[in-house]
Amino acid sequence: MNLGLFVIGAFVLSACIGWLTIPRIVLISKKKKLFDALSERKSHTGSIPRLGGVSFFPSFMFALSLTVGLRYFYGMDISPLFEMEAFKEFLFLLAGATILFFIGMADDLSGLSYRSKLLAQFIAAVILIYAGVGINDLGGLFGIHHVHPVIGSLLSILVILLLTNAYNLIDGIDGLCSGLSLLALFTFGIWFWVHDIYIYAMMAMAMAGVVAVFFFFNVMGHRLKIFMGDTGSLMLGYLIAFLGLKFYDLNIGAEYAQMQAAPAVFLGIVFIPVFDTLRVFFVRMSLGLSPFYPDRRHIHHKMLALGLTHLQSTLIIILIQTFFIFLNLSLKNININILFALDILLGVLLIFFLNRLAARRQQTLSKK
C-alpha cells in the first residue's frame, strides 16, 4: 500500500468531519446568538457566528489518530528514524494545542485581554520547546551559525509566539487566514511527502482538510457563513509554527535534506502574515502605542482601502504569498542573507506600492 494514501486519507477524513460539524456549529451559534461583535475595525456587517475554529482541533485529532492507527494496523509502521521522535513531539504538541484551544474558545465566547492570551501562548510555546523542535543553527544568517541552546530556545519561543499571533491578527477578512494557512500547510505537507517523511505530511493534511471546508463556508457561505475566531487562528498559527520548525530542523545542518537558505525559505513560506504583523507592531510602537492596539493598518485593510471586495483582497494576497513561496523555494540554495534581504525588500516595496495606490484613490475621490 502506498503511504501517500494515508496522507490523502488524513486530508479527506478531516474534511469530512469539518463538513459534518461546521454547519451544525453555525446553527447552534445562531440559536444561542453567539455572533461576532461589530465594531469600527470590523469589515463585515450583520450577525455572523465566530466559532468555526472549534471544529479544527477535533477534526485534526480524529483524522491524524485514525490514519496513524491504520498505518500500524496494516503493518506500515512509522520509520524508526522518526517514530519515537514524532511520538514525543506529538504529545507536547497536543498539550500546547489544548491550552490554545481552550483559551481561544474562552476569548470567542466571552472575550479575554491580550495579556491573558499572550500568557497562554507563551506557555504553549515553552511546552513545544520540550518536544525538541527548535533553532540551534541560523545557517549563516547575519554571519551566525550555531547558537547556544538557551539562545536557540528563546529564539524558538519567539518564532512560535510570532507565528501564533501572525495568523491570529491576519484573520480580518473572509478567507484570508484560512487561505494563507492552507498555502503553508500544503507547502509543508507536500515537502514532507516528497521527502518520504509521511508522519509530518499527515499532520499537515489532517489540519488542511478541515481548513479547506471552513474556507468554503467562510467565503462562499450565505445562510451557513461563519468566522473561525481565535479558537481556529491560534491553532493554525501554532501548528504551522511546529511544522515550520520541523522543516527548519530537517533542512539546516542536517544530513537528511539540506537547504543552504533554510531559515529564509521558512520565512518565505509564511511571509505575508509574519511581515505584516512585524510591520504593524513596529508602526504602532513608533507612535507610542501598544503593539496589540486595534487599528486598520494591516495589509488587508490597505486592500479594502483600494475599493476591493473581501474576495478580491483575499485572492490577491494569497497570490502574493504564493509568489513568495515559489521564489524562496526556487532560490533555496543561494546565500541566506541575500534571500532574506530580497524578501524584506519586496515586502517594503509592496507596502509602499499599496500606500501610493491608496493615496491616489483618495485624491480621486476627494476631487469627485
Protein backbone atom coordinates (compact mmCIF):
# COMPACT_ATOMS: atom_id res chain seq x y z
CA MET A 1 0.00 0.00 0.00
CA ASN A 2 1.32 3.44 -0.94
CA LEU A 3 1.99 5.55 2.15
CA GLY A 4 0.81 8.58 0.23
CA LEU A 5 -2.72 7.20 0.56
CA PHE A 6 -2.55 7.82 4.30
CA VAL A 7 -1.60 11.45 3.65
CA ILE A 8 -4.60 11.82 1.33
CA GLY A 9 -6.73 9.91 3.81
CA ALA A 10 -5.84 12.33 6.61
CA PHE A 11 -7.00 15.24 4.43
CA VAL A 12 -10.24 13.54 3.37
CA LEU A 13 -11.17 12.39 6.88
CA SER A 14 -10.53 15.84 8.31
CA ALA A 15 -12.57 17.45 5.53
CA CYS A 16 -15.46 15.05 6.17
CA ILE A 17 -15.51 15.83 9.89
CA GLY A 18 -15.40 19.53 9.07
CA TRP A 19 -18.25 19.18 6.58
CA LEU A 20 -20.37 17.44 9.21
CA THR A 21 -19.59 19.73 12.14
CA ILE A 22 -19.24 23.27 10.77
CA PRO A 23 -22.88 23.64 9.58
CA ARG A 24 -24.05 22.39 12.99
CA ILE A 25 -21.80 24.87 14.75
CA VAL A 26 -23.39 27.63 12.66
CA LEU A 27 -26.91 26.53 13.59
CA ILE A 28 -26.08 26.22 17.30
CA SER A 29 -24.32 29.60 17.28
CA LYS A 30 -27.35 31.25 15.70
CA LYS A 31 -29.70 29.59 18.16
CA LYS A 32 -27.60 30.74 21.13
CA LYS A 33 -26.85 34.13 19.49
CA LEU A 34 -23.08 33.61 19.59
CA PHE A 35 -22.14 36.21 16.99
CA ASP A 36 -19.00 38.17 16.18
CA ALA A 37 -19.29 41.60 17.77
CA LEU A 38 -19.47 44.52 15.35
CA SER A 39 -17.03 47.43 15.68
CA GLU A 40 -15.48 50.16 13.56
CA ARG A 41 -12.46 47.89 12.91
CA LYS A 42 -14.56 45.03 11.57
CA SER A 43 -15.05 44.73 7.82
CA HIS A 44 -18.31 42.81 7.90
CA THR A 45 -21.92 43.69 8.54
CA GLY A 46 -24.67 41.60 10.05
CA SER A 47 -24.58 38.87 12.70
CA ILE A 48 -22.06 36.16 11.81
CA PRO A 49 -21.16 33.21 14.11
CA ARG A 50 -17.47 33.13 15.04
CA LEU A 51 -16.93 29.61 16.37
CA GLY A 52 -15.82 27.87 13.16
CA GLY A 53 -12.40 27.21 14.66
CA VAL A 54 -13.96 24.94 17.27
CA SER A 55 -14.06 22.26 14.57
CA PHE A 56 -10.31 22.45 13.79
CA PHE A 57 -8.75 20.67 16.76
CA PRO A 58 -11.19 17.71 16.95
CA SER A 59 -11.07 17.18 13.18
CA PHE A 60 -7.26 17.28 13.21
CA MET A 61 -7.04 14.84 16.13
CA PHE A 62 -9.56 12.39 14.67
CA ALA A 63 -8.05 12.34 11.18
CA LEU A 64 -4.45 12.05 12.38
CA SER A 65 -5.16 9.45 15.07
CA LEU A 66 -7.20 7.23 12.77
CA THR A 67 -4.80 7.36 9.83
CA VAL A 68 -1.74 6.71 12.01
CA GLY A 69 -3.61 3.86 13.68
CA LEU A 70 -4.50 2.38 10.30
CA ARG A 71 -0.84 2.56 9.27
CA TYR A 72 0.09 0.37 12.20
CA PHE A 73 -2.92 -1.90 11.64
CA TYR A 74 -1.77 -2.61 8.08
CA GLY A 75 1.81 -3.16 9.19
CA MET A 76 3.14 0.08 7.74
CA ASP A 77 4.90 1.35 10.84
CA ILE A 78 6.50 4.76 11.01
CA SER A 79 10.19 4.74 10.15
CA PRO A 80 12.32 4.06 13.26
CA LEU A 81 14.20 7.25 12.36
CA PHE A 82 11.08 9.29 13.19
CA GLU A 83 8.80 7.01 15.24
CA MET A 84 9.87 7.85 18.80
CA GLU A 85 10.74 11.42 17.88
CA ALA A 86 7.36 12.08 16.28
CA PHE A 87 5.50 10.40 19.15
CA LYS A 88 7.24 12.61 21.73
CA GLU A 89 6.67 15.72 19.63
CA PHE A 90 3.00 14.88 19.19
CA LEU A 91 2.44 14.61 22.96
CA PHE A 92 3.86 18.07 23.60
CA LEU A 93 2.11 19.49 20.53
CA LEU A 94 -1.18 18.10 21.83
CA ALA A 95 -0.60 19.64 25.28
CA GLY A 96 0.19 23.09 23.89
CA ALA A 97 -2.63 22.98 21.35
CA THR A 98 -5.12 22.06 24.09
CA ILE A 99 -4.19 25.20 26.02
CA LEU A 100 -4.72 27.36 22.94
CA PHE A 101 -7.97 25.58 22.09
CA PHE A 102 -9.49 26.47 25.47
CA ILE A 103 -8.05 29.99 25.64
CA GLY A 104 -9.29 30.67 22.11
CA MET A 105 -12.74 29.37 22.91
CA ALA A 106 -12.89 31.48 26.08
CA ASP A 107 -11.99 34.56 24.05
CA ASP A 108 -14.55 33.77 21.36
CA LEU A 109 -17.31 33.23 23.91
CA SER A 110 -16.69 35.99 26.42
CA GLY A 111 -13.56 37.92 25.45
CA LEU A 112 -10.11 37.97 27.05
CA SER A 113 -7.41 40.59 27.41
CA TYR A 114 -4.41 40.33 25.11
CA ARG A 115 -2.25 39.78 28.20
CA SER A 116 -4.15 36.61 29.11
CA LYS A 117 -3.91 35.31 25.55
CA LEU A 118 -0.22 36.16 25.33
CA LEU A 119 0.49 34.31 28.59
CA ALA A 120 -1.31 31.22 27.30
CA GLN A 121 0.62 31.43 24.02
CA PHE A 122 3.90 31.72 25.92
CA ILE A 123 3.13 28.62 28.00
CA ALA A 124 2.18 26.70 24.84
CA ALA A 125 5.41 27.84 23.17
CA VAL A 126 7.53 26.70 26.11
CA ILE A 127 5.78 23.32 26.05
CA LEU A 128 6.68 22.90 22.39
CA ILE A 129 10.35 23.51 23.20
CA TYR A 130 10.28 20.30 25.26
CA ALA A 131 9.35 18.45 22.08
CA GLY A 132 12.89 19.07 20.89
CA VAL A 133 11.83 21.18 17.93
CA GLY A 134 13.76 24.39 17.81
CA ILE A 135 16.52 26.56 16.46
CA ASN A 136 20.15 25.62 17.08
CA ASP A 137 21.74 26.92 13.90
CA LEU A 138 20.99 30.12 11.98
CA GLY A 139 22.62 28.80 8.83
CA GLY A 140 24.82 31.83 8.35
CA LEU A 141 22.08 34.43 8.80
CA PHE A 142 23.92 37.66 9.72
CA GLY A 143 27.07 35.51 9.72
CA ILE A 144 25.82 33.35 12.61
CA HIS A 145 25.71 29.57 12.56
CA HIS A 146 25.48 27.52 15.76
CA VAL A 147 23.84 29.23 18.73
CA HIS A 148 23.82 28.37 22.43
CA PRO A 149 20.90 26.05 23.39
CA VAL A 150 19.44 28.73 25.68
CA ILE A 151 19.56 31.33 22.89
CA GLY A 152 18.11 28.76 20.49
CA SER A 153 15.22 28.03 22.86
CA LEU A 154 14.46 31.74 23.29
CA LEU A 155 14.52 32.25 19.51
CA SER A 156 12.21 29.25 19.06
CA ILE A 157 9.75 30.64 21.59
CA LEU A 158 9.78 34.00 19.78
CA VAL A 159 9.12 32.27 16.45
CA ILE A 160 6.21 30.30 17.89
CA LEU A 161 4.73 33.42 19.51
CA LEU A 162 5.21 35.42 16.32
CA LEU A 163 3.52 32.86 14.07
CA THR A 164 0.69 32.18 16.52
CA ASN A 165 -0.08 35.91 16.67
CA ALA A 166 0.57 36.50 12.97
CA TYR A 167 -2.14 34.11 11.82
CA ASN A 168 -4.44 35.39 14.56
CA LEU A 169 -4.00 39.04 13.54
CA ILE A 170 -4.23 38.41 9.78
CA ASP A 171 -7.73 36.99 10.29
CA GLY A 172 -9.51 40.17 9.27
CA ILE A 173 -11.43 39.44 6.06
CA ASP A 174 -13.19 36.44 4.56
CA GLY A 175 -10.90 33.57 3.62
CA LEU A 176 -7.61 35.32 4.33
CA CYS A 177 -6.32 33.46 7.39
CA SER A 178 -7.66 30.12 6.19
CA GLY A 179 -6.33 30.70 2.66
CA LEU A 180 -2.84 31.64 3.84
CA SER A 181 -2.87 28.74 6.29
CA LEU A 182 -3.78 26.31 3.53
CA LEU A 183 -0.84 27.57 1.47
CA ALA A 184 1.58 26.96 4.36
CA LEU A 185 0.04 23.59 5.30
CA PHE A 186 0.09 22.33 1.70
CA THR A 187 3.66 23.56 1.20
CA PHE A 188 4.96 21.84 4.31
CA GLY A 189 2.80 18.76 3.70
CA ILE A 190 3.95 18.30 0.11
CA TRP A 191 7.59 18.87 1.07
CA PHE A 192 7.42 16.21 3.80
CA TRP A 193 5.58 13.86 1.42
CA VAL A 194 8.13 14.31 -1.39
CA HIS A 195 10.94 13.57 1.07
CA ASP A 196 9.16 10.46 2.41
CA ILE A 197 8.56 11.91 5.87
CA TYR A 198 4.94 10.84 5.84
CA ILE A 199 4.04 11.34 9.50
CA TYR A 200 4.53 15.12 9.30
CA ALA A 201 2.81 15.25 5.92
CA MET A 202 -0.16 13.54 7.60
CA MET A 203 -0.13 16.16 10.37
CA ALA A 204 -0.24 18.98 7.83
CA MET A 205 -3.02 17.39 5.79
CA ALA A 206 -5.05 16.43 8.86
CA MET A 207 -5.41 20.15 9.55
CA ALA A 208 -5.63 21.25 5.91
CA GLY A 209 -8.78 19.18 5.31
CA VAL A 210 -11.00 20.93 7.85
CA VAL A 211 -9.48 24.34 6.99
CA ALA A 212 -10.38 23.81 3.32
CA VAL A 213 -14.00 23.12 4.29
CA PHE A 214 -14.04 26.14 6.59
CA PHE A 215 -12.69 28.28 3.72
CA PHE A 216 -15.69 27.24 1.63
CA PHE A 217 -18.26 28.18 4.30
CA ASN A 218 -16.42 31.37 5.25
CA VAL A 219 -16.08 32.65 1.67
CA MET A 220 -18.95 31.04 -0.20
CA GLY A 221 -21.42 30.51 2.61
CA HIS A 222 -24.56 32.61 2.86
CA ARG A 223 -27.00 31.05 5.28
CA LEU A 224 -24.14 29.00 6.80
CA LYS A 225 -21.44 31.69 6.75
CA ILE A 226 -19.09 31.53 9.74
CA PHE A 227 -15.84 33.03 11.08
CA MET A 228 -13.07 30.95 12.68
CA GLY A 229 -12.45 33.10 15.74
CA ASP A 230 -9.36 32.87 17.93
CA THR A 231 -10.03 29.18 18.57
CA GLY A 232 -9.13 28.49 14.97
CA SER A 233 -6.50 31.12 14.19
CA LEU A 234 -4.41 30.38 17.30
CA MET A 235 -4.49 26.68 16.49
CA LEU A 236 -3.40 27.28 12.91
CA GLY A 237 -0.51 29.53 13.84
CA TYR A 238 0.70 27.08 16.48
CA LEU A 239 0.63 24.04 14.19
CA ILE A 240 2.27 25.97 11.34
CA ALA A 241 4.99 27.07 13.76
CA PHE A 242 5.58 23.43 14.75
CA LEU A 243 5.70 22.19 11.14
CA GLY A 244 7.87 25.14 10.13
CA LEU A 245 10.40 24.48 12.89
CA LYS A 246 10.45 20.80 11.94
CA PHE A 247 11.03 21.77 8.32
CA TYR A 248 13.79 24.09 9.57
CA ASP A 249 15.44 21.34 11.66
CA LEU A 250 15.48 18.84 8.80
CA ASN A 251 16.98 21.30 6.35
CA ILE A 252 19.69 23.13 8.22
CA GLY A 253 22.88 21.40 9.23
CA ALA A 254 21.19 18.03 8.77
CA GLU A 255 22.12 15.11 6.59
CA TYR A 256 18.52 14.27 5.76
CA ALA A 257 17.63 17.16 3.44
CA GLN A 258 19.63 20.35 3.33
CA MET A 259 18.87 23.83 2.06
CA GLN A 260 21.56 26.45 2.19
CA ALA A 261 18.99 29.19 2.90
CA ALA A 262 16.55 27.14 5.02
CA PRO A 263 15.70 29.92 7.54
CA ALA A 264 14.91 32.35 4.72
CA VAL A 265 12.82 29.72 2.92
CA PHE A 266 10.87 29.14 6.15
CA LEU A 267 10.24 32.89 6.32
CA GLY A 268 9.13 32.93 2.68
CA ILE A 269 6.50 30.24 3.28
CA VAL A 270 4.84 32.35 5.99
CA PHE A 271 6.00 35.75 4.74
CA ILE A 272 2.78 37.76 4.43
CA PRO A 273 1.41 37.07 7.96
CA VAL A 274 4.85 37.49 9.59
CA PHE A 275 5.95 40.61 7.69
CA ASP A 276 2.55 42.26 8.10
CA THR A 277 2.48 41.58 11.86
CA LEU A 278 6.02 42.85 12.45
CA ARG A 279 5.38 45.92 10.30
CA VAL A 280 2.17 46.80 12.15
CA PHE A 281 3.81 46.21 15.54
CA PHE A 282 6.70 48.50 14.59
CA VAL A 283 4.39 51.28 13.36
CA ARG A 284 2.24 51.12 16.49
CA MET A 285 5.21 51.17 18.86
CA SER A 286 6.82 54.03 16.92
CA LEU A 287 3.65 56.01 17.64
CA GLY A 288 3.84 55.16 21.34
CA LEU A 289 1.01 52.63 21.15
CA SER A 290 0.80 49.05 22.32
CA PRO A 291 1.76 46.56 19.58
CA PHE A 292 -1.67 45.00 20.15
CA TYR A 293 -3.54 48.30 19.79
CA PRO A 294 -6.54 47.66 17.50
CA ASP A 295 -6.47 49.65 14.26
CA ARG A 296 -6.79 49.27 10.49
CA ARG A 297 -3.14 49.13 9.41
CA HIS A 298 -2.96 45.52 8.23
CA ILE A 299 -2.39 44.61 4.60
CA HIS A 300 -5.99 43.53 4.11
CA HIS A 301 -7.18 46.94 5.31
CA LYS A 302 -4.95 48.52 2.66
CA MET A 303 -6.53 46.27 0.02
CA LEU A 304 -10.03 47.25 1.13
CA ALA A 305 -8.99 50.91 1.02
CA LEU A 306 -8.38 50.44 -2.71
CA GLY A 307 -12.04 49.62 -3.16
CA LEU A 308 -11.50 45.87 -3.49
CA THR A 309 -14.00 43.37 -2.11
CA HIS A 310 -13.14 40.84 0.58
CA LEU A 311 -12.80 38.08 -2.00
CA GLN A 312 -10.67 40.17 -4.36
CA SER A 313 -8.39 41.25 -1.50
CA THR A 314 -8.04 37.71 -0.23
CA LEU A 315 -7.22 36.27 -3.65
CA ILE A 316 -4.62 38.95 -4.38
CA ILE A 317 -2.89 38.45 -1.01
CA ILE A 318 -2.92 34.67 -1.50
CA LEU A 319 -1.36 35.12 -4.95
CA ILE A 320 1.33 37.35 -3.45
CA GLN A 321 2.07 34.75 -0.77
CA THR A 322 2.20 32.04 -3.45
CA PHE A 323 4.78 34.13 -5.29
CA PHE A 324 6.94 34.33 -2.14
CA ILE A 325 6.73 30.57 -1.65
CA PHE A 326 7.83 29.78 -5.21
CA LEU A 327 10.52 32.49 -5.10
CA ASN A 328 12.07 31.17 -1.89
CA LEU A 329 11.89 27.51 -2.85
CA SER A 330 13.46 28.23 -6.23
CA LEU A 331 16.29 30.22 -4.58
CA LYS A 332 16.69 27.81 -1.65
CA ASN A 333 20.42 27.33 -2.19
CA ILE A 334 21.61 30.89 -2.67
CA ASN A 335 23.24 32.87 0.14
CA ILE A 336 20.78 33.10 3.01
CA ASN A 337 21.42 36.80 3.66
CA ILE A 338 20.70 37.67 0.02
CA LEU A 339 17.40 35.78 0.04
CA PHE A 340 16.42 37.22 3.41
CA ALA A 341 17.18 40.76 2.23
CA LEU A 342 15.28 40.15 -1.02
CA ASP A 343 12.17 39.06 0.89
CA ILE A 344 12.28 42.13 3.13
CA LEU A 345 12.89 44.47 0.19
CA LEU A 346 9.94 43.05 -1.75
CA GLY A 347 7.75 43.33 1.35
CA VAL A 348 8.66 47.01 1.83
CA LEU A 349 8.07 47.74 -1.87
CA LEU A 350 4.69 46.00 -1.68
CA ILE A 351 3.51 48.19 1.20
CA PHE A 352 4.91 51.32 -0.47
CA PHE A 353 3.04 50.46 -3.66
CA LEU A 354 -0.23 49.85 -1.79
CA ASN A 355 0.12 53.14 0.12
CA ARG A 356 0.69 55.04 -3.12
CA LEU A 357 -2.34 53.46 -4.75
CA ALA A 358 -4.49 54.23 -1.71
CA ALA A 359 -3.32 57.86 -1.68
CA ARG A 360 -4.12 58.27 -5.39
CA ARG A 361 -7.55 56.75 -4.93
CA GLN A 362 -8.25 59.08 -2.01
CA GLN A 363 -7.23 62.08 -4.11
CA THR A 364 -9.50 60.96 -6.93
CA LEU A 365 -12.45 60.52 -4.56
CA SER A 366 -11.79 63.91 -2.98
CA LYS A 367 -11.89 65.64 -6.39
CA LYS A 368 -15.19 63.99 -7.16
